[in-house]
Amino acid sequence: MLEIIDLDKTVSKKSYGHQLNKYQTELRALGYEVNRQQRPVVLVFEGWDAAGKGGVIKRLTERLDPRGYQVLPIA
């Protein structure tokens, strides 16, 4: 699956910011709905050190209500 990804593609900073805002807003709404329905959700990030997992988690959780999630590092 990874071999079909085009690593030469780029996104402008403006477009990235717009997309990030859009998806963070959508994720926040989904988070409220999941919480309302009392459904558990588990996201697992796996990868090499310094691969960007922490940055992705930070961007995913920036607009979420901190009362509704936990980040558990596992070594």
PDB file of N, CA and C in Angstrom:
ATOM      1  N   MET A   1       0.811  -1.180   0.000  1.00  0.00           N
ATOM      2  CA  MET A   1       0.000   0.000   0.000  1.00  0.00           C
ATOM      3  C   MET A   1       0.867   1.262   0.000  1.00  0.00           C
ATOM      4  N   LEU A   2       1.913   1.293   0.799  1.00  0.00           N
ATOM      5  CA  LEU A   2       2.746   2.488   0.880  1.00  0.00           C
ATOM      6  C   LEU A   2       3.483   2.787  -0.421  1.00  0.00           C
ATOM      7  N   GLU A   3       3.713   1.781  -1.232  1.00  0.00           N
ATOM      8  CA  GLU A   3       4.442   2.002  -2.481  1.00  0.00           C
ATOM      9  C   GLU A   3       3.644   2.836  -3.484  1.00  0.00           C
ATOM     10  N   ILE A   4       2.342   2.979  -3.289  1.00  0.00           N
ATOM     11  CA  ILE A   4       1.546   3.784  -4.225  1.00  0.00           C
ATOM     12  C   ILE A   4       1.479   5.261  -3.823  1.00  0.00           C
ATOM     13  N   ILE A   5       2.060   5.616  -2.681  1.00  0.00           N
ATOM     14  CA  ILE A   5       2.047   7.005  -2.222  1.00  0.00           C
ATOM     15  C   ILE A   5       3.092   7.806  -2.988  1.00  0.00           C
ATOM     16  N   ASP A   6       2.676   8.951  -3.527  1.00  0.00           N
ATOM     17  CA  ASP A   6       3.578   9.841  -4.256  1.00  0.00           C
ATOM     18  C   ASP A   6       4.233  10.802  -3.262  1.00  0.00           C
ATOM     19  N   LEU A   7       5.484  10.539  -2.910  1.00  0.00           N
ATOM     20  CA  LEU A   7       6.195  11.350  -1.927  1.00  0.00           C
ATOM     21  C   LEU A   7       6.666  12.686  -2.483  1.00  0.00           C
ATOM     22  N   ASP A   8       6.479  12.922  -3.781  1.00  0.00           N
ATOM     23  CA  ASP A   8       6.866  14.192  -4.387  1.00  0.00           C
ATOM     24  C   ASP A   8       5.757  15.239  -4.306  1.00  0.00           C
ATOM     25  N   LYS A   9       4.572  14.858  -3.890  1.00  0.00           N
ATOM     26  CA  LYS A   9       3.460  15.802  -3.784  1.00  0.00           C
ATOM     27  C   LYS A   9       3.699  16.759  -2.624  1.00  0.00           C
ATOM     28  N   THR A  10       3.275  18.002  -2.806  1.00  0.00           N
ATOM     29  CA  THR A  10       3.398  19.004  -1.753  1.00  0.00           C
ATOM     30  C   THR A  10       2.063  19.725  -1.582  1.00  0.00           C
ATOM     31  N   VAL A  11       1.923  20.389  -0.448  1.00  0.00           N
ATOM     32  CA  VAL A  11       0.747  21.194  -0.149  1.00  0.00           C
ATOM     33  C   VAL A  11       1.253  22.548   0.320  1.00  0.00           C
ATOM     34  N   SER A  12       0.666  23.623  -0.186  1.00  0.00           N
ATOM     35  CA  SER A  12       1.085  24.959   0.244  1.00  0.00           C
ATOM     36  C   SER A  12       0.706  25.163   1.712  1.00  0.00           C
ATOM     37  N   LYS A  13       1.408  26.063   2.390  1.00  0.00           N
ATOM     38  CA  LYS A  13       1.118  26.332   3.798  1.00  0.00           C
ATOM     39  C   LYS A  13      -0.310  26.826   3.979  1.00  0.00           C
ATOM     40  N   LYS A  14      -0.768  27.653   3.047  1.00  0.00           N
ATOM     41  CA  LYS A  14      -2.130  28.182   3.129  1.00  0.00           C
ATOM     42  C   LYS A  14      -3.150  27.049   3.018  1.00  0.00           C
ATOM     43  N   SER A  15      -2.951  26.181   2.034  1.00  0.00           N
ATOM     44  CA  SER A  15      -3.860  25.052   1.839  1.00  0.00           C
ATOM     45  C   SER A  15      -3.807  24.103   3.036  1.00  0.00           C
ATOM     46  N   TYR A  16      -2.606  23.855   3.546  1.00  0.00           N
ATOM     47  CA  TYR A  16      -2.444  22.978   4.703  1.00  0.00           C
ATOM     48  C   TYR A  16      -3.206  23.537   5.901  1.00  0.00           C
ATOM     49  N   GLY A  17      -3.038  24.836   6.152  1.00  0.00           N
ATOM     50  CA  GLY A  17      -3.730  25.465   7.277  1.00  0.00           C
ATOM     51  C   GLY A  17      -5.239  25.365   7.145  1.00  0.00           C
ATOM     52  N   HIS A  18      -5.728  25.577   5.928  1.00  0.00           N
ATOM     53  CA  HIS A  18      -7.171  25.488   5.678  1.00  0.00           C
ATOM     54  C   HIS A  18      -7.668  24.060   5.915  1.00  0.00           C
ATOM     55  N   GLN A  19      -6.960  23.088   5.376  1.00  0.00           N
ATOM     56  CA  GLN A  19      -7.358  21.685   5.541  1.00  0.00           C
ATOM     57  C   GLN A  19      -7.271  21.251   7.003  1.00  0.00           C
ATOM     58  N   LEU A  20      -6.207  21.684   7.687  1.00  0.00           N
ATOM     59  CA  LEU A  20      -6.036  21.330   9.091  1.00  0.00           C
ATOM     60  C   LEU A  20      -7.203  21.865   9.910  1.00  0.00           C
ATOM     61  N   ASN A  21      -7.563  23.122   9.678  1.00  0.00           N
ATOM     62  CA  ASN A  21      -8.682  23.729  10.397  1.00  0.00           C
ATOM     63  C   ASN A  21      -9.977  22.961  10.137  1.00  0.00           C
ATOM     64  N   LYS A  22     -10.219  22.643   8.884  1.00  0.00           N
ATOM     65  CA  LYS A  22     -11.433  21.914   8.494  1.00  0.00           C
ATOM     66  C   LYS A  22     -11.521  20.564   9.203  1.00  0.00           C
ATOM     67  N   TYR A  23     -10.439  19.801   9.153  1.00  0.00           N
ATOM     68  CA  TYR A  23     -10.475  18.457   9.721  1.00  0.00           C
ATOM     69  C   TYR A  23     -10.434  18.466  11.248  1.00  0.00           C
ATOM     70  N   GLN A  24      -9.774  19.451  11.859  1.00  0.00           N
ATOM     71  CA  GLN A  24      -9.793  19.547  13.316  1.00  0.00           C
ATOM     72  C   GLN A  24     -11.203  19.869  13.804  1.00  0.00           C
ATOM     73  N   THR A  25     -11.891  20.744  13.078  1.00  0.00           N
ATOM     74  CA  THR A  25     -13.271  21.086  13.427  1.00  0.00           C
ATOM     75  C   THR A  25     -14.173  19.861  13.301  1.00  0.00           C
ATOM     76  N   GLU A  26     -13.989  19.103  12.228  1.00  0.00           N
ATOM     77  CA  GLU A  26     -14.774  17.882  12.027  1.00  0.00           C
ATOM     78  C   GLU A  26     -14.468  16.850  13.112  1.00  0.00           C
ATOM     79  N   LEU A  27     -13.203  16.718  13.466  1.00  0.00           N
ATOM     80  CA  LEU A  27     -12.806  15.763  14.501  1.00  0.00           C
ATOM     81  C   LEU A  27     -13.396  16.151  15.855  1.00  0.00           C
ATOM     82  N   ARG A  28     -13.448  17.453  16.130  1.00  0.00           N
ATOM     83  CA  ARG A  28     -14.037  17.915  17.388  1.00  0.00           C
ATOM     84  C   ARG A  28     -15.514  17.517  17.459  1.00  0.00           C
ATOM     85  N   ALA A  29     -16.244  17.726  16.361  1.00  0.00           N
ATOM     86  CA  ALA A  29     -17.659  17.351  16.320  1.00  0.00           C
ATOM     87  C   ALA A  29     -17.823  15.840  16.495  1.00  0.00           C
ATOM     88  N   LEU A  30     -16.972  15.067  15.841  1.00  0.00           N
ATOM     89  CA  LEU A  30     -17.024  13.607  15.995  1.00  0.00           C
ATOM     90  C   LEU A  30     -16.711  13.194  17.430  1.00  0.00           C
ATOM     91  N   GLY A  31     -15.764  13.895  18.051  1.00  0.00           N
ATOM     92  CA  GLY A  31     -15.416  13.602  19.441  1.00  0.00           C
ATOM     93  C   GLY A  31     -16.588  13.812  20.381  1.00  0.00           C
ATOM     94  N   TYR A  32     -17.323  14.902  20.170  1.00  0.00           N
ATOM     95  CA  TYR A  32     -18.509  15.146  20.994  1.00  0.00           C
ATOM     96  C   TYR A  32     -19.559  14.055  20.788  1.00  0.00           C
ATOM     97  N   GLU A  33     -19.758  13.649  19.547  1.00  0.00           N
ATOM     98  CA  GLU A  33     -20.757  12.618  19.244  1.00  0.00           C
ATOM     99  C   GLU A  33     -20.360  11.271  19.847  1.00  0.00           C
ATOM    100  N   VAL A  34     -19.101  10.918  19.749  1.00  0.00           N
ATOM    101  CA  VAL A  34     -18.613   9.665  20.341  1.00  0.00           C
ATOM    102  C   VAL A  34     -18.805   9.698  21.851  1.00  0.00           C
ATOM    103  N   ASN A  35     -18.504  10.839  22.455  1.00  0.00           N
ATOM    104  CA  ASN A  35     -18.670  10.983  23.902  1.00  0.00           C
ATOM    105  C   ASN A  35     -20.147  10.892  24.286  1.00  0.00           C
ATOM    106  N   ARG A  36     -21.003  11.533  23.503  1.00  0.00           N
ATOM    107  CA  ARG A  36     -22.439  11.507  23.779  1.00  0.00           C
ATOM    108  C   ARG A  36     -22.972  10.074  23.730  1.00  0.00           C
ATOM    109  N   GLN A  37     -22.488   9.294  22.779  1.00  0.00           N
ATOM    110  CA  GLN A  37     -22.926   7.905  22.632  1.00  0.00           C
ATOM    111  C   GLN A  37     -22.169   6.944  23.552  1.00  0.00           C
ATOM    112  N   GLN A  38     -21.209   7.473  24.294  1.00  0.00           N
ATOM    113  CA  GLN A  38     -20.384   6.685  25.218  1.00  0.00           C
ATOM    114  C   GLN A  38     -19.740   5.495  24.518  1.00  0.00           C
ATOM    115  N   ARG A  39     -19.177   5.766  23.359  1.00  0.00           N
ATOM    116  CA  ARG A  39     -18.493   4.719  22.589  1.00  0.00           C
ATOM    117  C   ARG A  39     -16.984   4.876  22.771  1.00  0.00           C
ATOM    118  N   PRO A  40     -16.302   3.794  23.073  1.00  0.00           N
ATOM    119  CA  PRO A  40     -14.846   3.881  23.194  1.00  0.00           C
ATOM    120  C   PRO A  40     -14.181   3.930  21.817  1.00  0.00           C
ATOM    121  N   VAL A  41     -13.108   4.679  21.733  1.00  0.00           N
ATOM    122  CA  VAL A  41     -12.313   4.768  20.506  1.00  0.00           C
ATOM    123  C   VAL A  41     -10.849   4.633  20.901  1.00  0.00           C
ATOM    124  N   VAL A  42     -10.109   3.833  20.170  1.00  0.00           N
ATOM    125  CA  VAL A  42      -8.679   3.680  20.408  1.00  0.00           C
ATOM    126  C   VAL A  42      -7.952   3.982  19.108  1.00  0.00           C
ATOM    127  N   LEU A  43      -7.014   4.915  19.168  1.00  0.00           N
ATOM    128  CA  LEU A  43      -6.135   5.206  18.034  1.00  0.00           C
ATOM    129  C   LEU A  43      -4.740   4.759  18.426  1.00  0.00           C
ATOM    130  N   VAL A  44      -4.091   4.025  17.570  1.00  0.00           N
ATOM    131  CA  VAL A  44      -2.742   3.533  17.847  1.00  0.00           C
ATOM    132  C   VAL A  44      -1.810   4.083  16.787  1.00  0.00           C
ATOM    133  N   PHE A  45      -0.728   4.713  17.231  1.00  0.00           N
ATOM    134  CA  PHE A  45       0.290   5.239  16.327  1.00  0.00           C
ATOM    135  C   PHE A  45       1.564   4.448  16.545  1.00  0.00           C
ATOM    136  N   GLU A  46       2.106   3.928  15.468  1.00  0.00           N
ATOM    137  CA  GLU A  46       3.319   3.121  15.555  1.00  0.00           C
ATOM    138  C   GLU A  46       4.295   3.624  14.508  1.00  0.00           C
ATOM    139  N   GLY A  47       5.547   3.734  14.899  1.00  0.00           N
ATOM    140  CA  GLY A  47       6.550   4.172  13.937  1.00  0.00           C
ATOM    141  C   GLY A  47       7.892   4.400  14.601  1.00  0.00           C
ATOM    142  N   TRP A  48       8.878   4.696  13.765  1.00  0.00           N
ATOM    143  CA  TRP A  48      10.234   4.950  14.242  1.00  0.00           C
ATOM    144  C   TRP A  48      10.272   6.210  15.101  1.00  0.00           C
ATOM    145  N   ASP A  49      11.331   6.305  15.944  1.00  0.00           N
ATOM    146  CA  ASP A  49      11.558   7.536  16.690  1.00  0.00           C
ATOM    147  C   ASP A  49      11.701   8.689  15.712  1.00  0.00           C
ATOM    148  N   ALA A  50      11.195   9.838  16.096  1.00  0.00           N
ATOM    149  CA  ALA A  50      11.281  11.070  15.301  1.00  0.00           C
ATOM    150  C   ALA A  50      10.560  10.957  13.955  1.00  0.00           C
ATOM    151  N   ALA A  51       9.561  10.072  13.878  1.00  0.00           N
ATOM    152  CA  ALA A  51       8.808   9.905  12.632  1.00  0.00           C
ATOM    153  C   ALA A  51       7.649  10.892  12.520  1.00  0.00           C
ATOM    154  N   GLY A  52       7.372  11.634  13.602  1.00  0.00           N
ATOM    155  CA  GLY A  52       6.298  12.620  13.565  1.00  0.00           C
ATOM    156  C   GLY A  52       5.032  12.211  14.292  1.00  0.00           C
ATOM    157  N   LYS A  53       5.089  11.114  15.038  1.00  0.00           N
ATOM    158  CA  LYS A  53       3.892  10.645  15.744  1.00  0.00           C
ATOM    159  C   LYS A  53       3.405  11.682  16.751  1.00  0.00           C
ATOM    160  N   GLY A  54       4.315  12.255  17.494  1.00  0.00           N
ATOM    161  CA  GLY A  54       3.941  13.247  18.505  1.00  0.00           C
ATOM    162  C   GLY A  54       3.307  14.480  17.898  1.00  0.00           C
ATOM    163  N   GLY A  55       3.840  14.934  16.769  1.00  0.00           N
ATOM    164  CA  GLY A  55       3.271  16.093  16.089  1.00  0.00           C
ATOM    165  C   GLY A  55       1.873  15.822  15.575  1.00  0.00           C
ATOM    166  N   VAL A  56       1.659  14.627  15.068  1.00  0.00           N
ATOM    167  CA  VAL A  56       0.326  14.251  14.577  1.00  0.00           C
ATOM    168  C   VAL A  56      -0.657  14.202  15.745  1.00  0.00           C
ATOM    169  N   ILE A  57      -0.243  13.605  16.847  1.00  0.00           N
ATOM    170  CA  ILE A  57      -1.113  13.524  18.022  1.00  0.00           C
ATOM    171  C   ILE A  57      -1.434  14.923  18.527  1.00  0.00           C
ATOM    172  N   LYS A  58      -0.442  15.798  18.543  1.00  0.00           N
ATOM    173  CA  LYS A  58      -0.665  17.183  18.979  1.00  0.00           C
ATOM    174  C   LYS A  58      -1.695  17.870  18.091  1.00  0.00           C
ATOM    175  N   ARG A  59      -1.544  17.728  16.773  1.00  0.00           N
ATOM    176  CA  ARG A  59      -2.487  18.367  15.855  1.00  0.00           C
ATOM    177  C   ARG A  59      -3.880  17.748  15.961  1.00  0.00           C
ATOM    178  N   LEU A  60      -3.957  16.442  16.194  1.00  0.00           N
ATOM    179  CA  LEU A  60      -5.259  15.784  16.346  1.00  0.00           C
ATOM    180  C   LEU A  60      -5.992  16.257  17.595  1.00  0.00           C
ATOM    181  N   THR A  61      -5.258  16.502  18.664  1.00  0.00           N
ATOM    182  CA  THR A  61      -5.894  16.812  19.943  1.00  0.00           C
ATOM    183  C   THR A  61      -6.001  18.303  20.240  1.00  0.00           C
ATOM    184  N   GLU A  62      -5.442  19.164  19.391  1.00  0.00           N
ATOM    185  CA  GLU A  62      -5.437  20.607  19.659  1.00  0.00           C
ATOM    186  C   GLU A  62      -6.818  21.173  19.960  1.00  0.00           C
ATOM    187  N   ARG A  63      -7.818  20.733  19.251  1.00  0.00           N
ATOM    188  CA  ARG A  63      -9.162  21.306  19.415  1.00  0.00           C
ATOM    189  C   ARG A  63     -10.134  20.374  20.121  1.00  0.00           C
ATOM    190  N   LEU A  64      -9.634  19.260  20.627  1.00  0.00           N
ATOM    191  CA  LEU A  64     -10.505  18.336  21.353  1.00  0.00           C
ATOM    192  C   LEU A  64     -10.622  18.769  22.808  1.00  0.00           C
ATOM    193  N   ASP A  65     -11.748  18.455  23.418  1.00  0.00           N
ATOM    194  CA  ASP A  65     -11.948  18.710  24.836  1.00  0.00           C
ATOM    195  C   ASP A  65     -11.044  17.749  25.609  1.00  0.00           C
ATOM    196  N   PRO A  66     -10.096  18.265  26.385  1.00  0.00           N
ATOM    197  CA  PRO A  66      -9.138  17.385  27.068  1.00  0.00           C
ATOM    198  C   PRO A  66      -9.788  16.449  28.090  1.00  0.00           C
ATOM    199  N   ARG A  67     -11.025  16.711  28.449  1.00  0.00           N
ATOM    200  CA  ARG A  67     -11.719  15.802  29.372  1.00  0.00           C
ATOM    201  C   ARG A  67     -12.185  14.535  28.669  1.00  0.00           C
ATOM    202  N   GLY A  68     -12.109  14.532  27.334  1.00  0.00           N
ATOM    203  CA  GLY A  68     -12.665  13.423  26.583  1.00  0.00           C
ATOM    204  C   GLY A  68     -11.657  12.466  25.982  1.00  0.00           C
ATOM    205  N   TYR A  69     -10.379  12.621  26.292  1.00  0.00           N
ATOM    206  CA  TYR A  69      -9.385  11.705  25.727  1.00  0.00           C
ATOM    207  C   TYR A  69      -8.176  11.581  26.646  1.00  0.00           C
ATOM    208  N   GLN A  70      -7.408  10.543  26.433  1.00  0.00           N
ATOM    209  CA  GLN A  70      -6.138  10.320  27.121  1.00  0.00           C
ATOM    210  C   GLN A  70      -5.104   9.946  26.079  1.00  0.00           C
ATOM    211  N   VAL A  71      -3.886  10.411  26.284  1.00  0.00           N
ATOM    212  CA  VAL A  71      -2.762   9.981  25.451  1.00  0.00           C
ATOM    213  C   VAL A  71      -1.874   9.127  26.345  1.00  0.00           C
ATOM    214  N   LEU A  72      -1.679   7.883  25.946  1.00  0.00           N
ATOM    215  CA  LEU A  72      -0.891   6.952  26.749  1.00  0.00           C
ATOM    216  C   LEU A  72       0.319   6.489  25.955  1.00  0.00           C
ATOM    217  N   PRO A  73       1.512   6.985  26.301  1.00  0.00           N
ATOM    218  CA  PRO A  73       2.708   6.509  25.604  1.00  0.00           C
ATOM    219  C   PRO A  73       3.087   5.109  26.078  1.00  0.00           C
ATOM    220  N   ILE A  74       3.397   4.260  25.139  1.00  0.00           N
ATOM    221  CA  ILE A  74       3.814   2.892  25.458  1.00  0.00           C
ATOM    222  C   ILE A  74       5.139   2.644  24.759  1.00  0.00           C
ATOM    223  N   ALA A  75       6.151   2.299  25.535  1.00  0.00           N
ATOM    224  CA  ALA A  75       7.475   2.082  24.953  1.00  0.00           C
ATOM    225  C   ALA A  75       7.676   0.642  24.576  1.00  0.00           C
TER     226      ALA A  75
END
